[in-house]
Amino acid sequence: MIDRVARRQDAVRWLPTEPFAHLDDIHRRMNQVMHRLSMSSSPGTGWTPAVDIEETDDECVIDIDLPGATAGDVVLEWANDRSLTVRGRIPDREHHGVLHRRTRPTGSVHHVIDLPCPVLGDRTTATLTHGVLTVHATKAHPGPAHRIHIVDLDDPVDPGEPGRAGGVQP
């Protein structure tokens, strides 16, 4: 009986100090499986490029991996002050030998990138070098606070206007 109790205590000792550490490993492995599945999908089904976003004091720099793309293959669009859409089609590469492995993506790409800060879409530049699309987006810094006049459409005298009777004084 004492021997069984000692075995149970020994079995408990091997548990890791982090009780959920194995979940990180499961998450990493599932990401690898999903990445392999997305890379092996048939051309034309769409894929998501690798993206790095760096925020500096004055801008957001977005690096997007688009191997084999040319400037004519890709379109960038600003949906609002925090959203960049990348879409296009990466052409298939010509192979002259036996293809043993295919992991480089081709086909249509459509990806929406949410930025960590508002940017000015009209002051954005993009360059494509060696399959990496680099976007420099100038940050939209908020201006000074100011009071906004409210017009009361129900009152013909507009008591909300500063300086009038009943209006709020600054």
C-alpha atoms as a PDB file:
ATOM      1  CA  MET A   1       0.000   0.000   0.000  1.00  0.00           C
ATOM      2  CA  ILE A   2       2.802   2.412   0.886  1.00  0.00           C
ATOM      3  CA  ASP A   3       4.484   1.509  -2.410  1.00  0.00           C
ATOM      4  CA  ARG A   4       1.411   2.720  -4.399  1.00  0.00           C
ATOM      5  CA  VAL A   5       1.298   6.040  -2.528  1.00  0.00           C
ATOM      6  CA  ALA A   6       4.995   6.624  -3.245  1.00  0.00           C
ATOM      7  CA  ARG A   7       4.421   5.919  -6.958  1.00  0.00           C
ATOM      8  CA  ARG A   8       1.559   8.452  -7.121  1.00  0.00           C
ATOM      9  CA  GLN A   9       3.715  11.143  -5.541  1.00  0.00           C
ATOM     10  CA  ASP A  10       6.510  10.424  -8.031  1.00  0.00           C
ATOM     11  CA  ALA A  11       4.051  10.668 -10.911  1.00  0.00           C
ATOM     12  CA  VAL A  12       2.929  14.131  -9.815  1.00  0.00           C
ATOM     13  CA  ARG A  13       6.486  15.493  -9.603  1.00  0.00           C
ATOM     14  CA  TRP A  14       7.101  15.446 -13.361  1.00  0.00           C
ATOM     15  CA  LEU A  15       4.378  18.005 -14.085  1.00  0.00           C
ATOM     16  CA  PRO A  16       5.792  21.200 -15.628  1.00  0.00           C
ATOM     17  CA  THR A  17       5.908  24.371 -13.567  1.00  0.00           C
ATOM     18  CA  GLU A  18       3.684  26.050 -16.168  1.00  0.00           C
ATOM     19  CA  PRO A  19       0.444  24.040 -16.195  1.00  0.00           C
ATOM     20  CA  PHE A  20      -0.580  25.334 -19.653  1.00  0.00           C
ATOM     21  CA  ALA A  21       2.849  25.233 -21.339  1.00  0.00           C
ATOM     22  CA  HIS A  22       1.734  22.359 -23.550  1.00  0.00           C
ATOM     23  CA  LEU A  23      -0.974  24.593 -25.037  1.00  0.00           C
ATOM     24  CA  ASP A  24       1.706  26.854 -26.536  1.00  0.00           C
ATOM     25  CA  ASP A  25       3.213  23.830 -28.255  1.00  0.00           C
ATOM     26  CA  ILE A  26      -0.190  22.730 -29.544  1.00  0.00           C
ATOM     27  CA  HIS A  27      -0.876  26.269 -30.820  1.00  0.00           C
ATOM     28  CA  ARG A  28       2.510  26.398 -32.603  1.00  0.00           C
ATOM     29  CA  ARG A  29       1.948  23.011 -34.233  1.00  0.00           C
ATOM     30  CA  MET A  30      -1.561  23.925 -35.366  1.00  0.00           C
ATOM     31  CA  ASN A  31      -0.218  27.144 -36.918  1.00  0.00           C
ATOM     32  CA  GLN A  32       2.373  25.092 -38.810  1.00  0.00           C
ATOM     33  CA  VAL A  33      -0.312  22.722 -40.098  1.00  0.00           C
ATOM     34  CA  MET A  34      -2.587  25.591 -41.153  1.00  0.00           C
ATOM     35  CA  HIS A  35       0.325  27.352 -42.857  1.00  0.00           C
ATOM     36  CA  ARG A  36       1.182  24.203 -44.818  1.00  0.00           C
ATOM     37  CA  LEU A  37      -2.459  23.773 -45.829  1.00  0.00           C
ATOM     38  CA  SER A  38      -2.751  27.366 -47.009  1.00  0.00           C
ATOM     39  CA  MET A  39       0.483  27.107 -48.997  1.00  0.00           C
ATOM     40  CA  SER A  40      -0.546  23.882 -50.693  1.00  0.00           C
ATOM     41  CA  SER A  41      -3.961  25.156 -51.736  1.00  0.00           C
ATOM     42  CA  SER A  42      -4.700  25.238 -55.424  1.00  0.00           C
ATOM     43  CA  PRO A  43      -3.869  28.447 -57.335  1.00  0.00           C
ATOM     44  CA  GLY A  44      -6.658  30.978 -57.389  1.00  0.00           C
ATOM     45  CA  THR A  45      -8.087  30.155 -53.968  1.00  0.00           C
ATOM     46  CA  GLY A  46      -6.281  33.045 -52.279  1.00  0.00           C
ATOM     47  CA  TRP A  47      -3.647  33.226 -49.575  1.00  0.00           C
ATOM     48  CA  THR A  48      -2.467  35.608 -46.887  1.00  0.00           C
ATOM     49  CA  PRO A  49       1.003  37.140 -47.149  1.00  0.00           C
ATOM     50  CA  ALA A  50       3.383  37.537 -44.221  1.00  0.00           C
ATOM     51  CA  VAL A  51       3.177  41.097 -42.847  1.00  0.00           C
ATOM     52  CA  ASP A  52       5.339  43.132 -40.450  1.00  0.00           C
ATOM     53  CA  ILE A  53       4.031  46.424 -39.053  1.00  0.00           C
ATOM     54  CA  GLU A  54       6.420  48.864 -37.384  1.00  0.00           C
ATOM     55  CA  GLU A  55       5.204  52.072 -35.752  1.00  0.00           C
ATOM     56  CA  THR A  56       7.602  55.004 -35.353  1.00  0.00           C
ATOM     57  CA  ASP A  57       6.915  58.514 -34.064  1.00  0.00           C
ATOM     58  CA  ASP A  58       5.911  59.781 -37.521  1.00  0.00           C
ATOM     59  CA  GLU A  59       4.780  56.811 -39.578  1.00  0.00           C
ATOM     60  CA  CYS A  60       3.748  53.188 -39.856  1.00  0.00           C
ATOM     61  CA  VAL A  61       6.005  51.004 -41.985  1.00  0.00           C
ATOM     62  CA  ILE A  62       4.342  47.897 -43.373  1.00  0.00           C
ATOM     63  CA  ASP A  63       6.428  45.142 -45.012  1.00  0.00           C
ATOM     64  CA  ILE A  64       4.408  42.609 -47.015  1.00  0.00           C
ATOM     65  CA  ASP A  65       5.997  39.470 -48.497  1.00  0.00           C
ATOM     66  CA  LEU A  66       4.835  38.977 -52.084  1.00  0.00           C
ATOM     67  CA  PRO A  67       7.393  36.636 -53.690  1.00  0.00           C
ATOM     68  CA  GLY A  68       7.495  36.904 -57.461  1.00  0.00           C
ATOM     69  CA  ALA A  69       5.151  39.906 -57.624  1.00  0.00           C
ATOM     70  CA  THR A  70       5.637  42.962 -59.804  1.00  0.00           C
ATOM     71  CA  ALA A  71       4.097  46.394 -59.241  1.00  0.00           C
ATOM     72  CA  GLY A  72       1.483  45.626 -61.893  1.00  0.00           C
ATOM     73  CA  ASP A  73       0.336  42.490 -60.034  1.00  0.00           C
ATOM     74  CA  VAL A  74      -0.690  44.258 -56.812  1.00  0.00           C
ATOM     75  CA  VAL A  75      -3.208  46.983 -55.880  1.00  0.00           C
ATOM     76  CA  LEU A  76      -3.186  48.886 -52.559  1.00  0.00           C
ATOM     77  CA  GLU A  77      -6.318  50.665 -51.320  1.00  0.00           C
ATOM     78  CA  TRP A  78      -7.150  52.644 -48.187  1.00  0.00           C
ATOM     79  CA  ALA A  79     -10.621  51.846 -46.879  1.00  0.00           C
ATOM     80  CA  ASN A  80     -10.383  54.306 -43.976  1.00  0.00           C
ATOM     81  CA  ASP A  81      -7.631  55.917 -41.900  1.00  0.00           C
ATOM     82  CA  ARG A  82      -6.609  52.591 -40.268  1.00  0.00           C
ATOM     83  CA  SER A  83      -7.167  49.939 -42.921  1.00  0.00           C
ATOM     84  CA  LEU A  84      -4.990  48.966 -45.894  1.00  0.00           C
ATOM     85  CA  THR A  85      -6.204  46.414 -48.440  1.00  0.00           C
ATOM     86  CA  VAL A  86      -3.720  44.454 -50.540  1.00  0.00           C
ATOM     87  CA  ARG A  87      -5.104  42.538 -53.483  1.00  0.00           C
ATOM     88  CA  GLY A  88      -3.813  41.121 -56.692  1.00  0.00           C
ATOM     89  CA  ARG A  89      -2.572  38.007 -58.384  1.00  0.00           C
ATOM     90  CA  ILE A  90       0.882  36.487 -58.031  1.00  0.00           C
ATOM     91  CA  PRO A  91       1.726  34.663 -61.273  1.00  0.00           C
ATOM     92  CA  ASP A  92       2.785  31.017 -61.395  1.00  0.00           C
ATOM     93  CA  ARG A  93       6.470  30.469 -61.970  1.00  0.00           C
ATOM     94  CA  GLU A  94       7.744  28.520 -64.953  1.00  0.00           C
ATOM     95  CA  HIS A  95       9.475  25.290 -63.983  1.00  0.00           C
ATOM     96  CA  HIS A  96      11.794  23.405 -66.335  1.00  0.00           C
ATOM     97  CA  GLY A  97      12.462  20.343 -64.190  1.00  0.00           C
ATOM     98  CA  VAL A  98      10.624  18.035 -61.834  1.00  0.00           C
ATOM     99  CA  LEU A  99       8.967  20.012 -59.047  1.00  0.00           C
ATOM    100  CA  HIS A 100       9.518  18.058 -55.804  1.00  0.00           C
ATOM    101  CA  ARG A 101       8.133  20.611 -53.390  1.00  0.00           C
ATOM    102  CA  ARG A 102       5.931  23.668 -53.762  1.00  0.00           C
ATOM    103  CA  THR A 103       5.552  26.009 -50.799  1.00  0.00           C
ATOM    104  CA  ARG A 104       5.887  29.436 -52.424  1.00  0.00           C
ATOM    105  CA  PRO A 105       2.396  30.907 -52.848  1.00  0.00           C
ATOM    106  CA  THR A 106       0.894  31.898 -56.188  1.00  0.00           C
ATOM    107  CA  GLY A 107      -2.577  32.910 -57.268  1.00  0.00           C
ATOM    108  CA  SER A 108      -4.912  35.544 -55.951  1.00  0.00           C
ATOM    109  CA  VAL A 109      -4.142  37.450 -52.788  1.00  0.00           C
ATOM    110  CA  HIS A 110      -6.580  39.576 -50.802  1.00  0.00           C
ATOM    111  CA  HIS A 111      -5.622  40.776 -47.354  1.00  0.00           C
ATOM    112  CA  VAL A 112      -6.878  43.601 -45.138  1.00  0.00           C
ATOM    113  CA  ILE A 113      -4.319  45.009 -42.709  1.00  0.00           C
ATOM    114  CA  ASP A 114      -5.554  46.918 -39.670  1.00  0.00           C
ATOM    115  CA  LEU A 115      -3.001  49.473 -38.502  1.00  0.00           C
ATOM    116  CA  PRO A 116      -2.347  50.381 -34.856  1.00  0.00           C
ATOM    117  CA  CYS A 117      -2.861  54.111 -35.485  1.00  0.00           C
ATOM    118  CA  PRO A 118      -4.677  56.393 -37.941  1.00  0.00           C
ATOM    119  CA  VAL A 119      -2.638  57.347 -41.014  1.00  0.00           C
ATOM    120  CA  LEU A 120      -2.973  59.783 -43.906  1.00  0.00           C
ATOM    121  CA  GLY A 121      -3.749  57.691 -46.987  1.00  0.00           C
ATOM    122  CA  ASP A 122      -2.897  60.517 -49.400  1.00  0.00           C
ATOM    123  CA  ARG A 123       0.634  60.819 -47.955  1.00  0.00           C
ATOM    124  CA  THR A 124       1.465  57.128 -48.308  1.00  0.00           C
ATOM    125  CA  THR A 125       4.233  55.689 -50.492  1.00  0.00           C
ATOM    126  CA  ALA A 126       4.934  52.102 -51.521  1.00  0.00           C
ATOM    127  CA  THR A 127       7.929  50.359 -53.077  1.00  0.00           C
ATOM    128  CA  LEU A 128       8.394  46.765 -54.225  1.00  0.00           C
ATOM    129  CA  THR A 129      11.905  45.316 -53.972  1.00  0.00           C
ATOM    130  CA  HIS A 130      12.922  41.653 -54.138  1.00  0.00           C
ATOM    131  CA  GLY A 131       9.371  40.470 -53.461  1.00  0.00           C
ATOM    132  CA  VAL A 132       8.824  42.701 -50.413  1.00  0.00           C
ATOM    133  CA  LEU A 133       6.251  45.488 -50.677  1.00  0.00           C
ATOM    134  CA  THR A 134       7.190  48.275 -48.239  1.00  0.00           C
ATOM    135  CA  VAL A 135       4.513  50.847 -47.420  1.00  0.00           C
ATOM    136  CA  HIS A 136       5.358  54.072 -45.568  1.00  0.00           C
ATOM    137  CA  ALA A 137       2.174  55.624 -44.152  1.00  0.00           C
ATOM    138  CA  THR A 138       2.396  59.002 -42.413  1.00  0.00           C
ATOM    139  CA  LYS A 139       0.620  59.028 -39.068  1.00  0.00           C
ATOM    140  CA  ALA A 140      -2.342  61.365 -38.629  1.00  0.00           C
ATOM    141  CA  HIS A 141      -1.536  63.347 -35.510  1.00  0.00           C
ATOM    142  CA  PRO A 142      -4.579  64.805 -33.790  1.00  0.00           C
ATOM    143  CA  GLY A 143      -4.881  68.576 -33.965  1.00  0.00           C
ATOM    144  CA  PRO A 144      -5.511  70.882 -31.035  1.00  0.00           C
ATOM    145  CA  ALA A 145      -8.816  70.568 -29.221  1.00  0.00           C
ATOM    146  CA  HIS A 146     -11.463  73.096 -30.169  1.00  0.00           C
ATOM    147  CA  ARG A 147     -15.062  73.725 -29.338  1.00  0.00           C
ATOM    148  CA  ILE A 148     -17.680  72.810 -31.917  1.00  0.00           C
ATOM    149  CA  HIS A 149     -20.774  74.976 -32.235  1.00  0.00           C
ATOM    150  CA  ILE A 150     -24.029  73.035 -31.983  1.00  0.00           C
ATOM    151  CA  VAL A 151     -26.983  74.345 -33.953  1.00  0.00           C
ATOM    152  CA  ASP A 152     -30.405  73.637 -32.500  1.00  0.00           C
ATOM    153  CA  LEU A 153     -32.683  73.173 -35.504  1.00  0.00           C
ATOM    154  CA  ASP A 154     -35.791  73.123 -33.300  1.00  0.00           C
ATOM    155  CA  ASP A 155     -35.174  76.637 -31.904  1.00  0.00           C
ATOM    156  CA  PRO A 156     -35.276  79.533 -34.396  1.00  0.00           C
ATOM    157  CA  VAL A 157     -33.311  81.763 -31.964  1.00  0.00           C
ATOM    158  CA  ASP A 158     -30.604  79.073 -31.487  1.00  0.00           C
ATOM    159  CA  PRO A 159     -29.969  79.393 -27.746  1.00  0.00           C
ATOM    160  CA  GLY A 160     -26.881  77.187 -28.118  1.00  0.00           C
ATOM    161  CA  GLU A 161     -24.961  79.900 -29.961  1.00  0.00           C
ATOM    162  CA  PRO A 162     -22.346  81.508 -27.688  1.00  0.00           C
ATOM    163  CA  GLY A 163     -23.077  85.110 -26.777  1.00  0.00           C
ATOM    164  CA  ARG A 164     -26.861  84.794 -27.132  1.00  0.00           C
ATOM    165  CA  ALA A 165     -29.377  84.638 -24.368  1.00  0.00           C
ATOM    166  CA  GLY A 166     -29.551  81.176 -22.894  1.00  0.00           C
ATOM    167  CA  GLY A 167     -26.336  80.053 -24.573  1.00  0.00           C
ATOM    168  CA  VAL A 168     -23.491  78.436 -22.687  1.00  0.00           C
ATOM    169  CA  GLN A 169     -20.580  80.783 -22.122  1.00  0.00           C
ATOM    170  CA  PRO A 170     -17.020  79.471 -22.423  1.00  0.00           C
END
